[in-house]
Amino acid sequence: MDKVQFGVLSTAKIGIEKVIPAMQKGKLTEITAISSRKKKRAEEAADKLDIDKTYGSYEELLEDPEIDAIYNPLPNHLHLPWSLKALDAGKHVLCEKPIGLSSDEATTLVQKSRSCPGLNVMEAFMYRFHPQWKKAKEMAHDGSIGRLQSISSIFSYFNDDPDNIRNIPEMGGGAVMDIGCYCLSLSRFIFDREPEYVRAVTKTDATFGTDWLASGVLDFGTGTSIFTCSTQLQPDQRVSIFGTRGSIEIEIPFNAPPDRHTRLWLTKDDERMEHQFEICDQYTLQGDAFARSILRDTPVPTPLSDAVHNMRLIEAVFESSEQGTRIPI
């Protein structure tokens, strides 16, 4: 194969607006088909995005022998069941974050993937593939900022639509599951280890029953990471990384624009130095990296064990808030 043939489960907004157009530009990825429980929606998406095949059910798409891999952008509560069904159908799986609703679900997927050694499964944390994050991690450990000591991150938007899946508990809604997972993931990515403790506070919307605000401190032993995420605040995203001799600021850490240069700044010895990165699409890079592991029969760039660790940390955030104390990881 020169390219991996992908089928998409659902016409989810993130797929239609971001991931599919990006993967259509990939060197190693081709979007062959898209499915929806309503055939008309699949046909409308296919017309818009120039996709050859459409299916009126996810099952039909999984039965297509020409599809090598599945991209799963379904609501959170459907990540595990349809990823399992895709593996049963002999398809590789690129699944949106979070990988499931719990660490138990994540572990179930790990166990299933081990019984399918010829199939690759990866959680789609796209930010890790952008060169700005690779540079930030390199600088955090090569002495550019001295010893890594602390990270500060915030990710927020405002959404009070009661029908939106992010505001429905049963579908895996809430700030921590939707965007707080980035704050936790990046902290583990930059420190390159798991935290020892977490102390967190969450606020629950009285109407929706989902967490609309969460803040916490992750203790990595050698340093800390402080985060805030919210579904009912002024939209914002910021990440700063601090060391004993300098700091790093990433301009647009999560939704890096695919049509212009991105930047980060290293501040050291009272001097602020700018690093600019070539125009790229992190979703394209993610798709190609995943496809490369399929074509070369090599491990995926981000193993499922990472998804399990992130889910355990999400659970610890809620446990800490409920108990009002720090929780060991």
Protein backbone atom coordinates (compact mmCIF):
# COMPACT_ATOMS: atom_id res chain seq x y z
CA MET A 1 0.00 0.00 0.00
CA ASP A 2 1.11 3.55 -0.75
CA LYS A 3 -1.64 5.03 1.42
CA VAL A 4 -3.86 3.81 4.23
CA GLN A 5 -7.54 3.86 3.30
CA PHE A 6 -9.61 5.39 6.12
CA GLY A 7 -13.30 5.22 6.87
CA VAL A 8 -14.88 7.78 9.19
CA LEU A 9 -17.49 6.87 11.80
CA SER A 10 -20.00 9.74 11.90
CA THR A 11 -20.22 13.27 10.56
CA ALA A 12 -18.93 14.84 13.78
CA LYS A 13 -17.98 18.50 13.50
CA ILE A 14 -14.31 17.95 14.35
CA GLY A 15 -14.03 15.42 11.56
CA ILE A 16 -15.86 17.46 8.94
CA GLU A 17 -14.18 20.77 9.70
CA LYS A 18 -10.68 19.77 10.78
CA VAL A 19 -9.52 16.17 10.67
CA ILE A 20 -10.88 14.93 7.34
CA PRO A 21 -9.68 17.95 5.28
CA ALA A 22 -6.28 17.65 6.96
CA MET A 23 -5.94 13.92 6.35
CA GLN A 24 -6.95 14.41 2.72
CA LYS A 25 -3.72 16.40 2.39
CA GLY A 26 -1.65 13.63 3.96
CA LYS A 27 1.08 11.79 2.09
CA LEU A 28 0.03 8.45 3.57
CA THR A 29 -3.70 8.84 4.24
CA GLU A 30 -6.78 8.68 2.05
CA ILE A 31 -10.37 9.14 3.25
CA THR A 32 -12.30 6.46 1.36
CA ALA A 33 -15.70 6.49 3.09
CA ILE A 34 -17.86 8.23 5.67
CA SER A 35 -20.85 6.92 7.58
CA SER A 36 -23.78 8.27 9.54
CA ARG A 37 -26.86 6.80 11.12
CA LYS A 38 -28.70 9.03 8.65
CA LYS A 39 -27.52 8.30 5.10
CA LYS A 40 -28.39 11.82 3.94
CA ARG A 41 -25.92 13.35 6.40
CA ALA A 42 -23.19 11.07 5.15
CA GLU A 43 -24.01 12.00 1.55
CA GLU A 44 -23.98 15.72 2.33
CA ALA A 45 -20.59 15.41 4.05
CA ALA A 46 -19.22 13.31 1.19
CA ASP A 47 -20.35 15.88 -1.38
CA LYS A 48 -18.75 18.69 0.60
CA LEU A 49 -15.48 16.84 1.12
CA ASP A 50 -15.31 14.82 -2.12
CA ILE A 51 -15.42 11.40 -0.43
CA ASP A 52 -16.27 8.47 -2.70
CA LYS A 53 -18.32 6.17 -0.46
CA THR A 54 -21.14 6.78 1.99
CA TYR A 55 -22.90 4.45 4.39
CA GLY A 56 -26.12 4.80 6.36
CA SER A 57 -24.75 2.86 9.33
CA TYR A 58 -21.42 2.36 11.06
CA GLU A 59 -21.77 -1.39 10.68
CA GLU A 60 -21.90 -1.13 6.87
CA LEU A 61 -18.71 0.90 6.81
CA LEU A 62 -16.91 -1.64 8.99
CA GLU A 63 -17.90 -4.38 6.54
CA ASP A 64 -16.16 -2.63 3.62
CA PRO A 65 -13.08 -4.76 2.78
CA GLU A 66 -11.34 -1.83 1.06
CA ILE A 67 -11.10 0.18 4.28
CA ASP A 68 -7.90 -0.38 6.24
CA ALA A 69 -8.44 1.92 9.22
CA ILE A 70 -11.15 3.76 11.10
CA TYR A 71 -11.16 7.32 12.39
CA ASN A 72 -13.54 7.45 15.37
CA PRO A 73 -14.75 10.97 16.30
CA LEU A 74 -17.98 9.76 17.91
CA PRO A 75 -19.15 11.16 21.28
CA ASN A 76 -17.01 10.02 24.20
CA HIS A 77 -19.37 7.29 25.39
CA LEU A 78 -19.15 5.62 21.97
CA HIS A 79 -15.37 5.62 21.69
CA LEU A 80 -14.85 2.24 23.32
CA PRO A 81 -17.71 0.21 21.81
CA TRP A 82 -17.07 1.27 18.23
CA SER A 83 -13.30 0.98 18.56
CA LEU A 84 -13.82 -2.60 19.75
CA LYS A 85 -16.17 -3.29 16.83
CA ALA A 86 -13.65 -1.84 14.41
CA LEU A 87 -10.95 -4.16 15.73
CA ASP A 88 -13.34 -7.10 15.43
CA ALA A 89 -13.82 -6.07 11.79
CA GLY A 90 -10.05 -6.13 11.24
CA LYS A 91 -9.56 -2.35 11.07
CA HIS A 92 -6.84 -0.19 12.58
CA VAL A 93 -8.26 2.51 14.87
CA LEU A 94 -7.44 6.19 15.31
CA CYS A 95 -9.81 7.28 18.11
CA GLU A 96 -10.48 10.79 19.32
CA LYS A 97 -9.59 11.72 22.86
CA PRO A 98 -10.44 10.76 25.52
CA ILE A 99 -10.10 7.09 24.62
CA GLY A 100 -13.13 6.19 26.76
CA LEU A 101 -15.14 7.13 29.82
CA SER A 102 -12.80 5.56 32.37
CA SER A 103 -9.45 3.91 32.90
CA ASP A 104 -11.28 0.58 32.94
CA GLU A 105 -12.55 1.28 29.43
CA ALA A 106 -9.08 2.29 28.33
CA THR A 107 -7.67 -0.92 29.81
CA THR A 108 -10.35 -2.94 28.02
CA LEU A 109 -9.18 -1.46 24.71
CA VAL A 110 -5.56 -2.25 25.56
CA GLN A 111 -6.46 -5.86 26.26
CA LYS A 112 -8.47 -6.11 23.06
CA SER A 113 -5.67 -4.62 20.99
CA ARG A 114 -3.25 -7.21 22.39
CA SER A 115 -5.49 -9.92 21.00
CA CYS A 116 -5.23 -8.23 17.58
CA PRO A 117 -1.43 -7.96 17.14
CA GLY A 118 -1.65 -6.98 13.50
CA LEU A 119 -3.84 -3.94 14.20
CA ASN A 120 -2.75 -0.52 15.48
CA VAL A 121 -4.79 1.63 17.86
CA MET A 122 -3.98 5.20 18.93
CA GLU A 123 -5.63 8.01 20.87
CA ALA A 124 -5.78 11.17 18.75
CA PHE A 125 -3.98 13.81 20.83
CA MET A 126 -3.00 15.78 17.74
CA TYR A 127 -1.05 18.55 19.51
CA ARG A 128 1.87 16.21 20.19
CA PHE A 129 2.65 16.00 16.48
CA HIS A 130 3.04 19.74 15.96
CA PRO A 131 6.70 20.85 15.76
CA GLN A 132 6.08 23.60 18.34
CA TRP A 133 5.42 20.95 21.00
CA LYS A 134 8.38 18.83 19.97
CA LYS A 135 10.57 21.93 20.27
CA ALA A 136 9.06 22.86 23.62
CA LYS A 137 9.78 19.41 25.03
CA GLU A 138 13.32 19.47 23.67
CA MET A 139 13.99 22.87 25.24
CA ALA A 140 12.47 21.77 28.54
CA HIS A 141 15.10 19.05 28.84
CA ASP A 142 18.20 20.30 27.02
CA GLY A 143 19.13 22.96 29.57
CA SER A 144 17.58 25.87 27.66
CA ILE A 145 15.54 26.85 30.74
CA GLY A 146 17.71 25.20 33.37
CA ARG A 147 15.90 22.54 35.39
CA LEU A 148 12.24 22.11 34.52
CA GLN A 149 10.21 23.21 37.54
CA SER A 150 6.62 24.14 36.65
CA ILE A 151 3.99 24.30 33.91
CA SER A 152 0.95 26.59 33.79
CA SER A 153 -1.91 25.85 31.39
CA ILE A 154 -5.43 27.10 30.74
CA PHE A 155 -7.96 25.94 28.17
CA SER A 156 -11.50 27.36 28.07
CA TYR A 157 -14.52 28.21 25.95
CA PHE A 158 -18.15 29.14 26.58
CA ASN A 159 -20.92 26.67 25.70
CA ASP A 160 -24.24 26.65 27.56
CA ASP A 161 -26.23 24.69 24.97
CA PRO A 162 -28.13 21.96 26.87
CA ASP A 163 -28.27 19.78 23.75
CA ASN A 164 -24.52 19.87 23.13
CA ILE A 165 -22.79 16.59 23.96
CA ARG A 166 -20.23 18.48 26.06
CA ASN A 167 -23.02 19.30 28.50
CA ILE A 168 -24.49 15.79 28.78
CA PRO A 169 -22.96 13.65 31.57
CA GLU A 170 -24.06 10.30 30.09
CA MET A 171 -22.17 11.08 26.89
CA GLY A 172 -18.94 11.88 28.69
CA GLY A 173 -19.41 15.64 28.78
CA GLY A 174 -17.74 18.18 31.03
CA ALA A 175 -14.68 20.39 30.98
CA VAL A 176 -12.14 17.86 32.21
CA MET A 177 -13.08 15.16 29.70
CA ASP A 178 -13.30 17.57 26.78
CA ILE A 179 -10.38 19.96 27.22
CA GLY A 180 -8.88 19.40 30.67
CA CYS A 181 -7.52 16.15 29.29
CA TYR A 182 -5.15 18.29 27.19
CA CYS A 183 -3.80 20.07 30.27
CA LEU A 184 -3.14 16.72 31.94
CA SER A 185 -1.68 15.14 28.82
CA LEU A 186 0.71 18.00 28.05
CA SER A 187 1.96 18.05 31.63
CA ARG A 188 2.86 14.36 31.44
CA PHE A 189 4.32 14.89 27.96
CA ILE A 190 6.61 17.74 28.96
CA PHE A 191 7.73 16.28 32.32
CA ASP A 192 8.09 12.93 30.54
CA ARG A 193 6.82 11.04 33.58
CA GLU A 194 3.69 10.45 35.61
CA PRO A 195 2.70 12.77 38.47
CA GLU A 196 2.89 11.51 42.03
CA TYR A 197 -0.12 13.40 43.40
CA VAL A 198 -2.99 15.60 42.25
CA ARG A 199 -5.02 18.16 44.19
CA ALA A 200 -8.03 19.53 42.32
CA VAL A 201 -11.28 21.46 42.65
CA THR A 202 -14.20 21.13 40.24
CA LYS A 203 -17.46 23.05 39.91
CA THR A 204 -20.62 21.33 38.64
CA ASP A 205 -23.37 22.98 36.64
CA ALA A 206 -26.63 22.60 38.56
CA THR A 207 -28.65 22.15 35.37
CA PHE A 208 -26.38 20.01 33.22
CA GLY A 209 -24.70 17.95 35.94
CA THR A 210 -21.34 18.28 34.20
CA ASP A 211 -18.18 19.94 35.52
CA TRP A 212 -17.94 23.40 33.98
CA LEU A 213 -14.76 24.45 35.80
CA ALA A 214 -11.77 22.53 37.10
CA SER A 215 -8.45 23.66 38.52
CA GLY A 216 -5.67 21.61 39.98
CA VAL A 217 -2.05 21.05 40.81
CA LEU A 218 -0.10 18.02 39.63
CA ASP A 219 2.93 17.13 41.75
CA PHE A 220 5.68 15.49 39.68
CA GLY A 221 8.14 15.32 42.55
CA THR A 222 10.74 17.44 40.77
CA GLY A 223 8.15 20.10 39.90
CA THR A 224 4.49 20.99 39.50
CA SER A 225 1.89 21.67 36.83
CA ILE A 226 -1.02 24.02 37.49
CA PHE A 227 -4.07 23.90 35.22
CA THR A 228 -7.54 25.38 34.72
CA CYS A 229 -10.14 24.27 32.21
CA SER A 230 -13.70 25.44 31.69
CA THR A 231 -16.68 25.16 29.37
CA GLN A 232 -18.19 28.41 30.67
CA LEU A 233 -15.41 30.99 30.59
CA GLN A 234 -14.03 33.45 28.09
CA PRO A 235 -12.37 31.37 25.33
CA ASP A 236 -8.63 31.13 25.91
CA GLN A 237 -5.68 28.77 25.68
CA ARG A 238 -2.24 29.35 27.14
CA VAL A 239 0.74 27.25 28.16
CA SER A 240 3.91 28.44 29.88
CA ILE A 241 6.81 26.22 30.94
CA PHE A 242 9.17 27.42 33.66
CA GLY A 243 12.68 26.38 34.60
CA THR A 244 15.35 27.61 36.98
CA ARG A 245 16.96 29.79 34.29
CA GLY A 246 14.25 30.51 31.73
CA SER A 247 10.71 30.00 30.49
CA ILE A 248 8.84 28.94 27.35
CA GLU A 249 5.54 30.37 26.13
CA ILE A 250 3.60 28.67 23.33
CA GLU A 251 1.52 31.13 21.31
CA ILE A 252 -1.46 28.90 20.37
CA PRO A 253 -0.84 25.61 22.14
CA PHE A 254 -3.83 23.46 21.22
CA ASN A 255 -5.65 24.83 18.15
CA ALA A 256 -2.53 25.70 16.20
CA PRO A 257 -3.68 27.31 12.92
CA PRO A 258 -2.94 25.23 9.80
CA ASP A 259 -2.64 28.25 7.50
CA ARG A 260 0.02 30.42 9.14
CA HIS A 261 3.24 30.25 11.07
CA THR A 262 3.14 29.45 14.78
CA ARG A 263 5.55 30.70 17.41
CA LEU A 264 6.97 30.07 20.82
CA TRP A 265 9.17 32.31 22.92
CA LEU A 266 12.13 31.45 25.10
CA THR A 267 12.78 34.00 27.83
CA LYS A 268 16.24 33.74 29.38
CA ASP A 269 18.67 36.19 30.97
CA ASP A 270 16.21 39.07 30.38
CA GLU A 271 16.11 38.29 26.66
CA ARG A 272 13.01 37.07 24.80
CA MET A 273 13.83 34.96 21.75
CA GLU A 274 11.21 33.95 19.19
CA HIS A 275 11.09 30.57 17.46
CA GLN A 276 8.87 30.42 14.36
CA PHE A 277 7.61 27.20 12.80
CA GLU A 278 6.75 26.38 9.23
CA ILE A 279 3.08 26.30 8.25
CA CYS A 280 1.69 22.84 8.92
CA ASP A 281 -1.49 21.05 9.97
CA GLN A 282 -1.14 19.00 13.15
CA TYR A 283 -4.01 16.74 12.06
CA THR A 284 -2.19 15.95 8.82
CA LEU A 285 0.97 15.16 10.74
CA GLN A 286 -0.96 12.96 13.16
CA GLY A 287 -2.66 11.05 10.36
CA ASP A 288 0.58 10.43 8.50
CA ALA A 289 2.36 9.32 11.68
CA PHE A 290 -0.39 6.82 12.44
CA ALA A 291 -0.52 5.60 8.83
CA ARG A 292 3.27 5.19 8.79
CA SER A 293 3.07 2.82 11.75
CA ILE A 294 0.54 0.74 9.80
CA LEU A 295 2.52 0.69 6.56
CA ARG A 296 5.78 -0.14 8.31
CA ASP A 297 4.19 -2.47 10.87
CA THR A 298 5.75 -0.54 13.75
CA PRO A 299 4.32 0.62 17.13
CA VAL A 300 2.13 3.73 17.08
CA PRO A 301 3.81 7.00 18.15
CA THR A 302 1.62 7.26 21.27
CA PRO A 303 0.90 3.85 22.84
CA LEU A 304 -2.44 3.01 24.43
CA SER A 305 -0.70 2.80 27.81
CA ASP A 306 -0.46 6.60 27.63
CA ALA A 307 -4.25 6.79 27.24
CA VAL A 308 -4.71 4.59 30.31
CA HIS A 309 -2.45 6.85 32.39
CA ASN A 310 -4.30 9.97 31.26
CA MET A 311 -7.68 8.43 32.12
CA ARG A 312 -6.41 7.48 35.58
CA LEU A 313 -5.32 11.06 36.11
CA ILE A 314 -8.73 12.36 35.00
CA GLU A 315 -10.35 10.07 37.57
CA ALA A 316 -7.93 11.29 40.24
CA VAL A 317 -8.91 14.91 39.49
CA PHE A 318 -12.55 14.13 40.26
CA GLU A 319 -11.68 12.00 43.29
CA SER A 320 -9.54 14.80 44.73
CA SER A 321 -12.33 17.31 44.26
CA GLU A 322 -14.90 15.02 45.89
CA GLN A 323 -12.69 14.14 48.87
CA GLY A 324 -11.14 17.58 49.28
CA THR A 325 -7.63 16.20 49.52
CA ARG A 326 -4.66 15.31 47.37
CA ILE A 327 -4.77 11.92 45.69
CA PRO A 328 -1.76 9.71 44.98
CA ILE A 329 -1.46 8.50 41.38
